[in-house]
């Protein structure tokens, strides 16, 4: 820690039920950076930050050693491997392939869920990532009307697919608010229709 003992920022205890370890550690690293925390005391700081429940877990995972004897990076890795055991690339991609737009989801909410799943798929390069996201996004749309419209595009990029689907959804909402019935005759994965969207 820097000479000024007043810490910049605040890190709450880690909640094993609701928090994500990776995101929590990113915040801890940022806390160390802005406060100039030296490497040799980072393990001790982490132990004091995470709270009793997580410390008890660390103790069990590190046994017969003690958590205090581990380097910061090693202790983080031990907890990470326990909370988030690594699945195969194929298993992660199967989760992506099974992802369809839920009845209550807007286009943007569905997109966000897809992108989160894709983070662990290890696609090779940005082009491969966007192609896979485009394909699953289009297939998984619950509105058959939207899907067929996207498929009419000869050169459909991921960005174009998202923009077009969001525009169709927004137009449908506007028509409904104006008293129109834009749902007539529309089929979908879930038998329901798209709702309001906030694009980007």
Protein backbone atom coordinates (compact mmCIF):
# COMPACT_ATOMS: atom_id res chain seq x y z
CA UNK A 1 0.00 0.00 0.00
CA UNK A 2 1.17 3.53 -0.65
CA UNK A 3 2.37 5.72 2.21
CA UNK A 4 -1.12 7.21 2.61
CA UNK A 5 -2.91 4.48 4.57
CA UNK A 6 -6.34 5.57 3.39
CA UNK A 7 -7.37 3.12 0.68
CA UNK A 8 -8.88 4.37 -2.57
CA UNK A 9 -12.06 2.49 -3.34
CA UNK A 10 -13.92 -0.21 -1.50
CA UNK A 11 -14.15 -3.96 -2.10
CA UNK A 12 -17.02 -5.81 -0.46
CA UNK A 13 -16.82 -9.41 0.71
CA UNK A 14 -17.12 -12.09 -1.95
CA UNK A 15 -20.55 -13.73 -2.02
CA UNK A 16 -20.21 -17.37 -3.05
CA UNK A 17 -23.87 -17.52 -4.06
CA UNK A 18 -24.20 -14.42 -6.21
CA UNK A 19 -20.77 -13.03 -7.19
CA UNK A 20 -18.54 -14.06 -10.08
CA UNK A 21 -14.98 -14.87 -9.00
CA UNK A 22 -13.35 -13.62 -12.19
CA UNK A 23 -15.12 -10.26 -12.02
CA UNK A 24 -14.38 -9.96 -8.31
CA UNK A 25 -10.65 -10.57 -8.83
CA UNK A 26 -10.54 -8.00 -11.62
CA UNK A 27 -11.85 -5.43 -9.13
CA UNK A 28 -9.34 -6.58 -6.52
CA UNK A 29 -6.48 -6.18 -9.01
CA UNK A 30 -7.72 -2.69 -9.87
CA UNK A 31 -7.88 -1.91 -6.14
CA UNK A 32 -4.27 -3.06 -5.73
CA UNK A 33 -3.18 -0.99 -8.73
CA UNK A 34 -4.68 2.32 -7.61
CA UNK A 35 -3.48 1.80 -4.04
CA UNK A 36 0.03 0.68 -4.95
CA UNK A 37 -0.32 -2.59 -3.05
CA UNK A 38 2.95 -4.52 -3.07
CA UNK A 39 3.01 -8.09 -4.38
CA UNK A 40 4.23 -9.57 -1.11
CA UNK A 41 1.12 -8.43 0.79
CA UNK A 42 -1.51 -9.07 -1.88
CA UNK A 43 -2.39 -12.53 -0.57
CA UNK A 44 -2.96 -11.13 2.91
CA UNK A 45 -5.11 -8.33 1.50
CA UNK A 46 -7.21 -10.80 -0.51
CA UNK A 47 -7.79 -12.95 2.56
CA UNK A 48 -8.99 -9.94 4.54
CA UNK A 49 -11.25 -8.81 1.71
CA UNK A 50 -13.12 -11.99 0.78
CA UNK A 51 -14.89 -12.59 4.09
CA UNK A 52 -15.23 -15.59 6.41
CA UNK A 53 -17.15 -17.92 4.11
CA UNK A 54 -14.70 -17.62 1.22
CA UNK A 55 -11.72 -17.81 3.56
CA UNK A 56 -13.08 -21.07 4.98
CA UNK A 57 -13.33 -22.38 1.43
CA UNK A 58 -9.75 -21.30 0.73
CA UNK A 59 -8.58 -23.14 3.83
CA UNK A 60 -10.22 -26.38 2.71
CA UNK A 61 -8.96 -26.07 -0.86
CA UNK A 62 -5.37 -25.32 0.19
CA UNK A 63 -5.17 -28.02 2.88
CA UNK A 64 -2.77 -29.24 4.17
CA UNK A 65 -1.14 -25.90 3.36
CA UNK A 66 -2.55 -22.59 4.54
CA UNK A 67 -3.96 -19.95 2.18
CA UNK A 68 -1.50 -17.42 3.61
CA UNK A 69 1.41 -19.44 2.20
CA UNK A 70 0.17 -19.21 -1.39
CA UNK A 71 1.04 -16.44 -3.80
CA UNK A 72 -1.83 -14.19 -4.78
CA UNK A 73 -2.02 -15.64 -8.31
CA UNK A 74 -1.90 -19.23 -7.06
CA UNK A 75 -4.62 -18.64 -4.47
CA UNK A 76 -6.82 -16.99 -7.10
CA UNK A 77 -6.24 -19.97 -9.41
CA UNK A 78 -7.13 -22.51 -6.72
CA UNK A 79 -10.45 -20.83 -5.99
CA UNK A 80 -11.16 -20.31 -9.70
CA UNK A 81 -10.63 -24.00 -10.50
CA UNK A 82 -13.05 -24.95 -7.75
CA UNK A 83 -15.80 -22.44 -8.54
CA UNK A 84 -15.49 -22.62 -12.33
CA UNK A 85 -14.11 -26.00 -13.41
CA UNK A 86 -13.02 -25.87 -17.03
CA UNK A 87 -15.42 -27.48 -19.50
CA UNK A 88 -14.36 -28.65 -22.95
CA UNK A 89 -14.62 -26.25 -25.88
CA UNK A 90 -17.23 -28.52 -27.44
CA UNK A 91 -19.37 -28.48 -24.30
CA UNK A 92 -19.25 -24.68 -24.18
CA UNK A 93 -20.19 -24.43 -27.86
CA UNK A 94 -23.11 -26.79 -27.36
CA UNK A 95 -24.45 -24.37 -24.76
CA UNK A 96 -24.26 -21.61 -27.37
CA UNK A 97 -26.02 -23.78 -29.96
CA UNK A 98 -28.85 -24.45 -27.52
CA UNK A 99 -29.42 -20.76 -26.77
CA UNK A 100 -32.77 -19.52 -28.09
CA UNK A 101 -34.49 -16.21 -27.40
CA UNK A 102 -36.77 -16.50 -24.37
CA UNK A 103 -40.36 -15.33 -24.41
CA UNK A 104 -39.67 -12.30 -22.24
CA UNK A 105 -36.36 -11.28 -23.88
CA UNK A 106 -35.85 -8.36 -26.18
CA UNK A 107 -33.46 -8.72 -29.10
CA UNK A 108 -30.73 -6.91 -27.18
CA UNK A 109 -31.19 -9.04 -24.07
CA UNK A 110 -30.93 -12.19 -26.17
CA UNK A 111 -27.81 -10.83 -27.86
CA UNK A 112 -26.15 -10.15 -24.50
CA UNK A 113 -26.84 -13.70 -23.33
CA UNK A 114 -25.33 -15.12 -26.52
CA UNK A 115 -22.20 -12.99 -26.19
CA UNK A 116 -21.70 -14.14 -22.61
CA UNK A 117 -21.90 -17.78 -23.67
CA UNK A 118 -19.50 -17.17 -26.56
CA UNK A 119 -16.83 -15.85 -24.20
CA UNK A 120 -15.90 -19.41 -23.17
CA UNK A 121 -16.20 -21.03 -26.62
CA UNK A 122 -12.63 -20.21 -27.73
CA UNK A 123 -13.46 -19.47 -31.34
CA UNK A 124 -10.35 -18.83 -33.41
CA UNK A 125 -10.29 -15.12 -34.18
CA UNK A 126 -12.84 -12.34 -34.39
CA UNK A 127 -14.18 -13.47 -37.77
CA UNK A 128 -15.01 -16.95 -36.49
CA UNK A 129 -16.59 -15.50 -33.35
CA UNK A 130 -18.83 -13.13 -35.30
CA UNK A 131 -19.86 -15.81 -37.81
CA UNK A 132 -20.92 -18.16 -35.03
CA UNK A 133 -22.73 -15.40 -33.15
CA UNK A 134 -24.51 -14.32 -36.35
CA UNK A 135 -25.65 -17.86 -37.13
CA UNK A 136 -26.94 -18.61 -33.63
CA UNK A 137 -28.48 -15.16 -33.21
CA UNK A 138 -30.44 -15.60 -36.44
CA UNK A 139 -31.46 -19.19 -35.74
CA UNK A 140 -32.42 -18.48 -32.14
CA UNK A 141 -34.74 -15.53 -32.79
CA UNK A 142 -38.19 -16.51 -31.61
CA UNK A 143 -39.84 -14.53 -34.42
CA UNK A 144 -39.96 -16.50 -37.66
CA UNK A 145 -40.82 -13.24 -39.43
CA UNK A 146 -37.58 -11.62 -38.25
CA UNK A 147 -35.54 -14.70 -39.07
CA UNK A 148 -36.86 -14.95 -42.62
CA UNK A 149 -36.17 -11.25 -43.17
CA UNK A 150 -32.55 -11.69 -42.07
CA UNK A 151 -32.15 -14.68 -44.38
CA UNK A 152 -33.04 -12.55 -47.40
CA UNK A 153 -29.77 -10.63 -46.93
CA UNK A 154 -27.12 -11.95 -49.34
CA UNK A 155 -24.16 -10.70 -47.27
CA UNK A 156 -25.41 -10.80 -43.69
CA UNK A 157 -22.79 -9.73 -41.16
CA UNK A 158 -23.22 -10.13 -37.42
CA UNK A 159 -23.60 -6.37 -36.96
CA UNK A 160 -26.16 -6.17 -39.76
CA UNK A 161 -28.16 -9.06 -38.31
CA UNK A 162 -28.39 -7.41 -34.90
CA UNK A 163 -29.20 -3.97 -36.31
CA UNK A 164 -31.89 -5.31 -38.63
CA UNK A 165 -33.56 -7.48 -35.97
CA UNK A 166 -33.56 -4.58 -33.51
CA UNK A 167 -35.07 -2.28 -36.14
CA UNK A 168 -37.83 -4.79 -36.90
CA UNK A 169 -38.58 -5.11 -33.21
CA UNK A 170 -38.66 -1.35 -32.69
CA UNK A 171 -40.97 -0.90 -35.68
CA UNK A 172 -43.31 -3.56 -34.32
CA UNK A 173 -43.45 -1.86 -30.93
CA UNK A 174 -44.14 1.50 -32.56
CA UNK A 175 -46.94 -0.02 -34.64
CA UNK A 176 -48.52 -1.57 -31.55
CA UNK A 177 -48.37 1.71 -29.67
CA UNK A 178 -50.04 3.37 -32.64
CA UNK A 179 -52.92 0.94 -32.50
CA UNK A 180 -51.74 -1.36 -35.28
CA UNK A 181 -51.57 -5.15 -35.05
CA UNK A 182 -48.15 -6.10 -36.37
CA UNK A 183 -48.34 -9.57 -34.82
CA UNK A 184 -50.97 -10.95 -37.14
CA UNK A 185 -49.87 -14.22 -38.75
CA UNK A 186 -46.38 -14.17 -37.21
CA UNK A 187 -44.89 -17.48 -36.09
CA UNK A 188 -42.09 -17.87 -33.57
CA UNK A 189 -39.97 -20.36 -31.60
CA UNK A 190 -41.94 -19.74 -28.44
CA UNK A 191 -45.31 -18.78 -29.89
CA UNK A 192 -44.95 -15.18 -28.68
CA UNK A 193 -43.64 -12.02 -30.22
CA UNK A 194 -40.88 -9.51 -29.74
CA UNK A 195 -41.00 -6.65 -27.29
CA UNK A 196 -39.29 -3.34 -26.76
CA UNK A 197 -35.60 -2.97 -27.56
CA UNK A 198 -32.80 -0.60 -26.66
CA UNK A 199 -30.20 -0.82 -29.41
CA UNK A 200 -26.66 -0.47 -27.98
